[in-house]
Every structure is written in C-alpha cells, then in structure tokens.
Amino acid sequence: RLGSFANAQARYTTSGAIFENDAA
C-alpha cells in the first residue's frame, strides 16, 4: 500500500500439467 495514493501488486506464477503415459 503506497499510502492513500495507490495499492501495488506484482505476481509471478509457474504452473503445468503432466499426463500419464503421454495421454495428452
């Protein structure tokens, strides 16, 4: 929170999906 002037946020996300037997 930058005083009463502004609210700041920054986010980094790493994600993934793994399929059995290369089904997809």
mmCIF file of all heavy atoms, coordinates in Angstrom:
data_MODEL
# 
_entry.id   MODEL 
# 
loop_
_atom_site.group_PDB 
_atom_site.id 
_atom_site.type_symbol 
_atom_site.label_atom_id 
_atom_site.label_alt_id 
_atom_site.label_comp_id 
_atom_site.label_asym_id 
_atom_site.label_entity_id 
_atom_site.label_seq_id 
_atom_site.pdbx_PDB_ins_code 
_atom_site.Cartn_x 
_atom_site.Cartn_y 
_atom_site.Cartn_z 
_atom_site.occupancy 
_atom_site.B_iso_or_equiv 
_atom_site.pdbx_formal_charge 
_atom_site.auth_seq_id 
_atom_site.auth_comp_id 
_atom_site.auth_asym_id 
_atom_site.auth_atom_id 
_atom_site.pdbx_PDB_model_num 
ATOM 1   N N   . ARG A 1 1  ? 0.859  -1.181  0.000   1.00 0.00 ? 1  ARG A N   1 
ATOM 2   C CA  . ARG A 1 1  ? 0.000  0.000   0.000   1.00 0.00 ? 1  ARG A CA  1 
ATOM 3   C C   . ARG A 1 1  ? 0.895  1.231   0.000   1.00 0.00 ? 1  ARG A C   1 
ATOM 4   O O   . ARG A 1 1  ? 1.720  1.425   0.897   1.00 0.00 ? 1  ARG A O   1 
ATOM 5   C CB  . ARG A 1 1  ? -0.907 -0.002  1.226   1.00 0.00 ? 1  ARG A CB  1 
ATOM 6   C CG  . ARG A 1 1  ? -1.841 1.212   1.304   1.00 0.00 ? 1  ARG A CG  1 
ATOM 7   C CD  . ARG A 1 1  ? -2.728 1.126   2.527   1.00 0.00 ? 1  ARG A CD  1 
ATOM 8   N NE  . ARG A 1 1  ? -3.589 -0.048  2.463   1.00 0.00 ? 1  ARG A NE  1 
ATOM 9   C CZ  . ARG A 1 1  ? -4.376 -0.421  3.462   1.00 0.00 ? 1  ARG A CZ  1 
ATOM 10  N NH1 . ARG A 1 1  ? -4.400 0.265   4.597   1.00 0.00 ? 1  ARG A NH1 1 
ATOM 11  N NH2 . ARG A 1 1  ? -5.138 -1.504  3.330   1.00 0.00 ? 1  ARG A NH2 1 
ATOM 12  N N   . LEU A 1 2  ? 0.732  2.059   -1.019  1.00 0.00 ? 2  LEU A N   1 
ATOM 13  C CA  . LEU A 1 2  ? 1.529  3.274   -1.153  1.00 0.00 ? 2  LEU A CA  1 
ATOM 14  C C   . LEU A 1 2  ? 0.763  4.445   -0.539  1.00 0.00 ? 2  LEU A C   1 
ATOM 15  O O   . LEU A 1 2  ? 0.240  5.321   -1.233  1.00 0.00 ? 2  LEU A O   1 
ATOM 16  C CB  . LEU A 1 2  ? 1.854  3.535   -2.625  1.00 0.00 ? 2  LEU A CB  1 
ATOM 17  C CG  . LEU A 1 2  ? 2.512  2.364   -3.376  1.00 0.00 ? 2  LEU A CG  1 
ATOM 18  C CD1 . LEU A 1 2  ? 2.721  2.704   -4.830  1.00 0.00 ? 2  LEU A CD1 1 
ATOM 19  C CD2 . LEU A 1 2  ? 3.817  1.971   -2.709  1.00 0.00 ? 2  LEU A CD2 1 
ATOM 20  N N   . GLY A 1 3  ? 0.697  4.429   0.787   1.00 0.00 ? 3  GLY A N   1 
ATOM 21  C CA  . GLY A 1 3  ? -0.071 5.454   1.474   1.00 0.00 ? 3  GLY A CA  1 
ATOM 22  C C   . GLY A 1 3  ? -1.525 5.402   1.052   1.00 0.00 ? 3  GLY A C   1 
ATOM 23  O O   . GLY A 1 3  ? -2.107 4.332   0.856   1.00 0.00 ? 3  GLY A O   1 
ATOM 24  N N   . SER A 1 4  ? -2.130 6.562   0.907   1.00 0.00 ? 4  SER A N   1 
ATOM 25  C CA  . SER A 1 4  ? -3.515 6.638   0.434   1.00 0.00 ? 4  SER A CA  1 
ATOM 26  C C   . SER A 1 4  ? -3.600 6.851   -1.067  1.00 0.00 ? 4  SER A C   1 
ATOM 27  O O   . SER A 1 4  ? -4.691 6.967   -1.622  1.00 0.00 ? 4  SER A O   1 
ATOM 28  C CB  . SER A 1 4  ? -4.240 7.788   1.147   1.00 0.00 ? 4  SER A CB  1 
ATOM 29  O OG  . SER A 1 4  ? -3.617 9.032   0.852   1.00 0.00 ? 4  SER A OG  1 
ATOM 30  N N   . PHE A 1 5  ? -2.422 6.855   -1.741  1.00 0.00 ? 5  PHE A N   1 
ATOM 31  C CA  . PHE A 1 5  ? -2.413 7.134   -3.177  1.00 0.00 ? 5  PHE A CA  1 
ATOM 32  C C   . PHE A 1 5  ? -2.769 5.914   -4.012  1.00 0.00 ? 5  PHE A C   1 
ATOM 33  O O   . PHE A 1 5  ? -3.602 5.984   -4.929  1.00 0.00 ? 5  PHE A O   1 
ATOM 34  C CB  . PHE A 1 5  ? -1.043 7.662   -3.591  1.00 0.00 ? 5  PHE A CB  1 
ATOM 35  C CG  . PHE A 1 5  ? -0.890 7.833   -5.078  1.00 0.00 ? 5  PHE A CG  1 
ATOM 36  C CD1 . PHE A 1 5  ? -1.566 8.837   -5.756  1.00 0.00 ? 5  PHE A CD1 1 
ATOM 37  C CD2 . PHE A 1 5  ? -0.074 6.962   -5.805  1.00 0.00 ? 5  PHE A CD2 1 
ATOM 38  C CE1 . PHE A 1 5  ? -1.430 8.978   -7.136  1.00 0.00 ? 5  PHE A CE1 1 
ATOM 39  C CE2 . PHE A 1 5  ? 0.061  7.095   -7.171  1.00 0.00 ? 5  PHE A CE2 1 
ATOM 40  C CZ  . PHE A 1 5  ? -0.617 8.104   -7.841  1.00 0.00 ? 5  PHE A CZ  1 
ATOM 41  N N   . ALA A 1 6  ? -2.149 4.762   -3.723  1.00 0.00 ? 6  ALA A N   1 
ATOM 42  C CA  . ALA A 1 6  ? -2.351 3.603   -4.589  1.00 0.00 ? 6  ALA A CA  1 
ATOM 43  C C   . ALA A 1 6  ? -2.013 2.310   -3.846  1.00 0.00 ? 6  ALA A C   1 
ATOM 44  O O   . ALA A 1 6  ? -1.364 2.323   -2.793  1.00 0.00 ? 6  ALA A O   1 
ATOM 45  C CB  . ALA A 1 6  ? -1.495 3.718   -5.853  1.00 0.00 ? 6  ALA A CB  1 
ATOM 46  N N   . ASN A 1 7  ? -2.461 1.209   -4.442  1.00 0.00 ? 7  ASN A N   1 
ATOM 47  C CA  . ASN A 1 7  ? -2.116 -0.131  -3.993  1.00 0.00 ? 7  ASN A CA  1 
ATOM 48  C C   . ASN A 1 7  ? -1.406 -0.847  -5.140  1.00 0.00 ? 7  ASN A C   1 
ATOM 49  O O   . ASN A 1 7  ? -1.891 -0.844  -6.278  1.00 0.00 ? 7  ASN A O   1 
ATOM 50  C CB  . ASN A 1 7  ? -3.363 -0.913  -3.590  1.00 0.00 ? 7  ASN A CB  1 
ATOM 51  C CG  . ASN A 1 7  ? -4.121 -0.249  -2.461  1.00 0.00 ? 7  ASN A CG  1 
ATOM 52  O OD1 . ASN A 1 7  ? -3.550 0.071   -1.422  1.00 0.00 ? 7  ASN A OD1 1 
ATOM 53  N ND2 . ASN A 1 7  ? -5.415 -0.021  -2.657  1.00 0.00 ? 7  ASN A ND2 1 
ATOM 54  N N   . ALA A 1 8  ? -0.257 -1.450  -4.856  1.00 0.00 ? 8  ALA A N   1 
ATOM 55  C CA  . ALA A 1 8  ? 0.547  -2.092  -5.891  1.00 0.00 ? 8  ALA A CA  1 
ATOM 56  C C   . ALA A 1 8  ? 0.643  -3.587  -5.624  1.00 0.00 ? 8  ALA A C   1 
ATOM 57  O O   . ALA A 1 8  ? 0.703  -4.025  -4.468  1.00 0.00 ? 8  ALA A O   1 
ATOM 58  C CB  . ALA A 1 8  ? 1.944  -1.482  -5.938  1.00 0.00 ? 8  ALA A CB  1 
ATOM 59  N N   . GLN A 1 9  ? 0.660  -4.375  -6.708  1.00 0.00 ? 9  GLN A N   1 
ATOM 60  C CA  . GLN A 1 9  ? 0.833  -5.813  -6.589  1.00 0.00 ? 9  GLN A CA  1 
ATOM 61  C C   . GLN A 1 9  ? 1.561  -6.330  -7.822  1.00 0.00 ? 9  GLN A C   1 
ATOM 62  O O   . GLN A 1 9  ? 1.321  -5.880  -8.947  1.00 0.00 ? 9  GLN A O   1 
ATOM 63  C CB  . GLN A 1 9  ? -0.497 -6.543  -6.440  1.00 0.00 ? 9  GLN A CB  1 
ATOM 64  C CG  . GLN A 1 9  ? -0.348 -8.046  -6.213  1.00 0.00 ? 9  GLN A CG  1 
ATOM 65  C CD  . GLN A 1 9  ? -1.667 -8.775  -6.049  1.00 0.00 ? 9  GLN A CD  1 
ATOM 66  O OE1 . GLN A 1 9  ? -2.167 -9.387  -6.987  1.00 0.00 ? 9  GLN A OE1 1 
ATOM 67  N NE2 . GLN A 1 9  ? -2.228 -8.718  -4.843  1.00 0.00 ? 9  GLN A NE2 1 
ATOM 68  N N   . ALA A 1 10 ? 2.472  -7.278  -7.617  1.00 0.00 ? 10 ALA A N   1 
ATOM 69  C CA  . ALA A 1 10 ? 3.176  -7.954  -8.707  1.00 0.00 ? 10 ALA A CA  1 
ATOM 70  C C   . ALA A 1 10 ? 3.263  -9.429  -8.366  1.00 0.00 ? 10 ALA A C   1 
ATOM 71  O O   . ALA A 1 10 ? 3.574  -9.797  -7.226  1.00 0.00 ? 10 ALA A O   1 
ATOM 72  C CB  . ALA A 1 10 ? 4.561  -7.363  -8.905  1.00 0.00 ? 10 ALA A CB  1 
ATOM 73  N N   . ARG A 1 11 ? 2.988  -10.289 -9.354  1.00 0.00 ? 11 ARG A N   1 
ATOM 74  C CA  . ARG A 1 11 ? 2.919  -11.732 -9.105  1.00 0.00 ? 11 ARG A CA  1 
ATOM 75  C C   . ARG A 1 11 ? 3.615  -12.489 -10.231 1.00 0.00 ? 11 ARG A C   1 
ATOM 76  O O   . ARG A 1 11 ? 3.486  -12.153 -11.415 1.00 0.00 ? 11 ARG A O   1 
ATOM 77  C CB  . ARG A 1 11 ? 1.455  -12.163 -9.012  1.00 0.00 ? 11 ARG A CB  1 
ATOM 78  C CG  . ARG A 1 11 ? 1.263  -13.662 -8.770  1.00 0.00 ? 11 ARG A CG  1 
ATOM 79  C CD  . ARG A 1 11 ? -0.205 -14.040 -8.851  1.00 0.00 ? 11 ARG A CD  1 
ATOM 80  N NE  . ARG A 1 11 ? -0.972 -13.525 -7.729  1.00 0.00 ? 11 ARG A NE  1 
ATOM 81  C CZ  . ARG A 1 11 ? -1.198 -14.209 -6.603  1.00 0.00 ? 11 ARG A CZ  1 
ATOM 82  N NH1 . ARG A 1 11 ? -0.688 -15.429 -6.465  1.00 0.00 ? 11 ARG A NH1 1 
ATOM 83  N NH2 . ARG A 1 11 ? -1.924 -13.682 -5.641  1.00 0.00 ? 11 ARG A NH2 1 
ATOM 84  N N   . TYR A 1 12 ? 4.367  -13.530 -9.832  1.00 0.00 ? 12 TYR A N   1 
ATOM 85  C CA  . TYR A 1 12 ? 4.954  -14.471 -10.786 1.00 0.00 ? 12 TYR A CA  1 
ATOM 86  C C   . TYR A 1 12 ? 4.355  -15.846 -10.524 1.00 0.00 ? 12 TYR A C   1 
ATOM 87  O O   . TYR A 1 12 ? 4.251  -16.279 -9.367  1.00 0.00 ? 12 TYR A O   1 
ATOM 88  C CB  . TYR A 1 12 ? 6.467  -14.536 -10.628 1.00 0.00 ? 12 TYR A CB  1 
ATOM 89  C CG  . TYR A 1 12 ? 7.095  -15.699 -11.366 1.00 0.00 ? 12 TYR A CG  1 
ATOM 90  C CD1 . TYR A 1 12 ? 7.254  -15.665 -12.741 1.00 0.00 ? 12 TYR A CD1 1 
ATOM 91  C CD2 . TYR A 1 12 ? 7.503  -16.838 -10.678 1.00 0.00 ? 12 TYR A CD2 1 
ATOM 92  C CE1 . TYR A 1 12 ? 7.811  -16.729 -13.424 1.00 0.00 ? 12 TYR A CE1 1 
ATOM 93  C CE2 . TYR A 1 12 ? 8.060  -17.914 -11.350 1.00 0.00 ? 12 TYR A CE2 1 
ATOM 94  C CZ  . TYR A 1 12 ? 8.217  -17.851 -12.725 1.00 0.00 ? 12 TYR A CZ  1 
ATOM 95  O OH  . TYR A 1 12 ? 8.760  -18.919 -13.388 1.00 0.00 ? 12 TYR A OH  1 
ATOM 96  N N   . THR A 1 13 ? 3.969  -16.556 -11.575 1.00 0.00 ? 13 THR A N   1 
ATOM 97  C CA  . THR A 1 13 ? 3.350  -17.868 -11.430 1.00 0.00 ? 13 THR A CA  1 
ATOM 98  C C   . THR A 1 13 ? 3.992  -18.843 -12.402 1.00 0.00 ? 13 THR A C   1 
ATOM 99  O O   . THR A 1 13 ? 4.122  -18.551 -13.595 1.00 0.00 ? 13 THR A O   1 
ATOM 100 C CB  . THR A 1 13 ? 1.840  -17.815 -11.708 1.00 0.00 ? 13 THR A CB  1 
ATOM 101 O OG1 . THR A 1 13 ? 1.226  -16.871 -10.830 1.00 0.00 ? 13 THR A OG1 1 
ATOM 102 C CG2 . THR A 1 13 ? 1.205  -19.187 -11.493 1.00 0.00 ? 13 THR A CG2 1 
ATOM 103 N N   . THR A 1 14 ? 4.391  -19.990 -11.884 1.00 0.00 ? 14 THR A N   1 
ATOM 104 C CA  . THR A 1 14 ? 4.817  -21.096 -12.732 1.00 0.00 ? 14 THR A CA  1 
ATOM 105 C C   . THR A 1 14 ? 3.866  -22.251 -12.501 1.00 0.00 ? 14 THR A C   1 
ATOM 106 O O   . THR A 1 14 ? 3.504  -22.558 -11.356 1.00 0.00 ? 14 THR A O   1 
ATOM 107 C CB  . THR A 1 14 ? 6.277  -21.512 -12.432 1.00 0.00 ? 14 THR A CB  1 
ATOM 108 O OG1 . THR A 1 14 ? 6.641  -22.582 -13.318 1.00 0.00 ? 14 THR A OG1 1 
ATOM 109 C CG2 . THR A 1 14 ? 6.455  -21.946 -10.990 1.00 0.00 ? 14 THR A CG2 1 
ATOM 110 N N   . SER A 1 15 ? 3.419  -22.876 -13.559 1.00 0.00 ? 15 SER A N   1 
ATOM 111 C CA  . SER A 1 15 ? 2.400  -23.914 -13.454 1.00 0.00 ? 15 SER A CA  1 
ATOM 112 C C   . SER A 1 15 ? 2.590  -24.918 -14.574 1.00 0.00 ? 15 SER A C   1 
ATOM 113 O O   . SER A 1 15 ? 3.356  -24.693 -15.523 1.00 0.00 ? 15 SER A O   1 
ATOM 114 C CB  . SER A 1 15 ? 0.997  -23.301 -13.515 1.00 0.00 ? 15 SER A CB  1 
ATOM 115 O OG  . SER A 1 15 ? 0.820  -22.603 -14.740 1.00 0.00 ? 15 SER A OG  1 
ATOM 116 N N   . GLY A 1 16 ? 1.875  -26.043 -14.469 1.00 0.00 ? 16 GLY A N   1 
ATOM 117 C CA  . GLY A 1 16 ? 1.991  -27.047 -15.515 1.00 0.00 ? 16 GLY A CA  1 
ATOM 118 C C   . GLY A 1 16 ? 1.008  -28.171 -15.339 1.00 0.00 ? 16 GLY A C   1 
ATOM 119 O O   . GLY A 1 16 ? 0.290  -28.265 -14.337 1.00 0.00 ? 16 GLY A O   1 
ATOM 120 N N   . ALA A 1 17 ? 0.994  -29.060 -16.331 1.00 0.00 ? 17 ALA A N   1 
ATOM 121 C CA  . ALA A 1 17 ? 0.136  -30.245 -16.324 1.00 0.00 ? 17 ALA A CA  1 
ATOM 122 C C   . ALA A 1 17 ? 0.937  -31.419 -16.850 1.00 0.00 ? 17 ALA A C   1 
ATOM 123 O O   . ALA A 1 17 ? 1.666  -31.295 -17.842 1.00 0.00 ? 17 ALA A O   1 
ATOM 124 C CB  . ALA A 1 17 ? -1.107 -30.022 -17.173 1.00 0.00 ? 17 ALA A CB  1 
ATOM 125 N N   . ILE A 1 18 ? 0.813  -32.577 -16.186 1.00 0.00 ? 18 ILE A N   1 
ATOM 126 C CA  . ILE A 1 18 ? 1.552  -33.779 -16.539 1.00 0.00 ? 18 ILE A CA  1 
ATOM 127 C C   . ILE A 1 18 ? 0.548  -34.910 -16.726 1.00 0.00 ? 18 ILE A C   1 
ATOM 128 O O   . ILE A 1 18 ? -0.282 -35.170 -15.841 1.00 0.00 ? 18 ILE A O   1 
ATOM 129 C CB  . ILE A 1 18 ? 2.567  -34.154 -15.442 1.00 0.00 ? 18 ILE A CB  1 
ATOM 130 C CG1 . ILE A 1 18 ? 3.522  -32.979 -15.189 1.00 0.00 ? 18 ILE A CG1 1 
ATOM 131 C CG2 . ILE A 1 18 ? 3.350  -35.399 -15.821 1.00 0.00 ? 18 ILE A CG2 1 
ATOM 132 C CD1 . ILE A 1 18 ? 4.393  -33.173 -13.970 1.00 0.00 ? 18 ILE A CD1 1 
ATOM 133 N N   . PHE A 1 19 ? 0.629  -35.612 -17.869 1.00 0.00 ? 19 PHE A N   1 
ATOM 134 C CA  . PHE A 1 19 ? -0.327 -36.661 -18.215 1.00 0.00 ? 19 PHE A CA  1 
ATOM 135 C C   . PHE A 1 19 ? 0.347  -38.030 -18.201 1.00 0.00 ? 19 PHE A C   1 
ATOM 136 O O   . PHE A 1 19 ? 1.453  -38.185 -18.719 1.00 0.00 ? 19 PHE A O   1 
ATOM 137 C CB  . PHE A 1 19 ? -0.930 -36.407 -19.599 1.00 0.00 ? 19 PHE A CB  1 
ATOM 138 C CG  . PHE A 1 19 ? -1.788 -35.182 -19.671 1.00 0.00 ? 19 PHE A CG  1 
ATOM 139 C CD1 . PHE A 1 19 ? -1.224 -33.939 -19.887 1.00 0.00 ? 19 PHE A CD1 1 
ATOM 140 C CD2 . PHE A 1 19 ? -3.168 -35.261 -19.512 1.00 0.00 ? 19 PHE A CD2 1 
ATOM 141 C CE1 . PHE A 1 19 ? -2.008 -32.799 -19.950 1.00 0.00 ? 19 PHE A CE1 1 
ATOM 142 C CE2 . PHE A 1 19 ? -3.956 -34.131 -19.576 1.00 0.00 ? 19 PHE A CE2 1 
ATOM 143 C CZ  . PHE A 1 19 ? -3.389 -32.894 -19.792 1.00 0.00 ? 19 PHE A CZ  1 
ATOM 144 N N   . GLU A 1 20 ? -0.342 -38.991 -17.623 1.00 0.00 ? 20 GLU A N   1 
ATOM 145 C CA  . GLU A 1 20 ? 0.158  -40.361 -17.567 1.00 0.00 ? 20 GLU A CA  1 
ATOM 146 C C   . GLU A 1 20 ? 0.266  -40.958 -18.970 1.00 0.00 ? 20 GLU A C   1 
ATOM 147 O O   . GLU A 1 20 ? -0.620 -40.798 -19.808 1.00 0.00 ? 20 GLU A O   1 
ATOM 148 C CB  . GLU A 1 20 ? -0.799 -41.200 -16.715 1.00 0.00 ? 20 GLU A CB  1 
ATOM 149 C CG  . GLU A 1 20 ? -0.484 -42.684 -16.696 1.00 0.00 ? 20 GLU A CG  1 
ATOM 150 C CD  . GLU A 1 20 ? -1.619 -43.492 -16.112 1.00 0.00 ? 20 GLU A CD  1 
ATOM 151 O OE1 . GLU A 1 20 ? -2.765 -42.994 -16.102 1.00 0.00 ? 20 GLU A OE1 1 
ATOM 152 O OE2 . GLU A 1 20 ? -1.356 -44.610 -15.652 1.00 0.00 ? 20 GLU A OE2 1 
ATOM 153 N N   . ASN A 1 21 ? 1.396  -41.653 -19.232 1.00 0.00 ? 21 ASN A N   1 
ATOM 154 C CA  . ASN A 1 21 ? 1.610  -42.384 -20.483 1.00 0.00 ? 21 ASN A CA  1 
ATOM 155 C C   . ASN A 1 21 ? 1.430  -41.503 -21.718 1.00 0.00 ? 21 ASN A C   1 
ATOM 156 O O   . ASN A 1 21 ? 0.958  -41.964 -22.761 1.00 0.00 ? 21 ASN A O   1 
ATOM 157 C CB  . ASN A 1 21 ? 0.667  -43.598 -20.574 1.00 0.00 ? 21 ASN A CB  1 
ATOM 158 C CG  . ASN A 1 21 ? 0.892  -44.592 -19.462 1.00 0.00 ? 21 ASN A CG  1 
ATOM 159 O OD1 . ASN A 1 21 ? 2.012  -44.760 -18.986 1.00 0.00 ? 21 ASN A OD1 1 
ATOM 160 N ND2 . ASN A 1 21 ? -0.180 -45.251 -19.027 1.00 0.00 ? 21 ASN A ND2 1 
ATOM 161 N N   . ASP A 1 22 ? 1.778  -40.235 -21.591 1.00 0.00 ? 22 ASP A N   1 
ATOM 162 C CA  . ASP A 1 22 ? 1.675  -39.302 -22.728 1.00 0.00 ? 22 ASP A CA  1 
ATOM 163 C C   . ASP A 1 22 ? 0.279  -39.291 -23.340 1.00 0.00 ? 22 ASP A C   1 
ATOM 164 O O   . ASP A 1 22 ? 0.110  -39.200 -24.562 1.00 0.00 ? 22 ASP A O   1 
ATOM 165 C CB  . ASP A 1 22 ? 2.708  -39.650 -23.812 1.00 0.00 ? 22 ASP A CB  1 
ATOM 166 C CG  . ASP A 1 22 ? 4.136  -39.522 -23.303 1.00 0.00 ? 22 ASP A CG  1 
ATOM 167 O OD1 . ASP A 1 22 ? 4.384  -38.604 -22.489 1.00 0.00 ? 22 ASP A OD1 1 
ATOM 168 O OD2 . ASP A 1 22 ? 5.003  -40.319 -23.710 1.00 0.00 ? 22 ASP A OD2 1 
ATOM 169 N N   . ALA A 1 23 ? -0.742 -39.395 -22.490 1.00 0.00 ? 23 ALA A N   1 
ATOM 170 C CA  . ALA A 1 23 ? -2.115 -39.390 -22.982 1.00 0.00 ? 23 ALA A CA  1 
ATOM 171 C C   . ALA A 1 23 ? -2.477 -38.067 -23.640 1.00 0.00 ? 23 ALA A C   1 
ATOM 172 O O   . ALA A 1 23 ? -3.350 -38.014 -24.507 1.00 0.00 ? 23 ALA A O   1 
ATOM 173 C CB  . ALA A 1 23 ? -3.079 -39.685 -21.835 1.00 0.00 ? 23 ALA A CB  1 
ATOM 174 N N   . ALA A 1 24 ? -1.843 -36.997 -23.254 1.00 0.00 ? 24 ALA A N   1 
ATOM 175 C CA  . ALA A 1 24 ? -2.023 -35.687 -23.872 1.00 0.00 ? 24 ALA A CA  1 
ATOM 176 C C   . ALA A 1 24 ? -0.701 -34.941 -23.728 1.00 0.00 ? 24 ALA A C   1 
ATOM 177 O O   . ALA A 1 24 ? 0.253  -35.434 -23.104 1.00 0.00 ? 24 ALA A O   1 
ATOM 178 C CB  . ALA A 1 24 ? -3.168 -34.921 -23.209 1.00 0.00 ? 24 ALA A CB  1 
# 
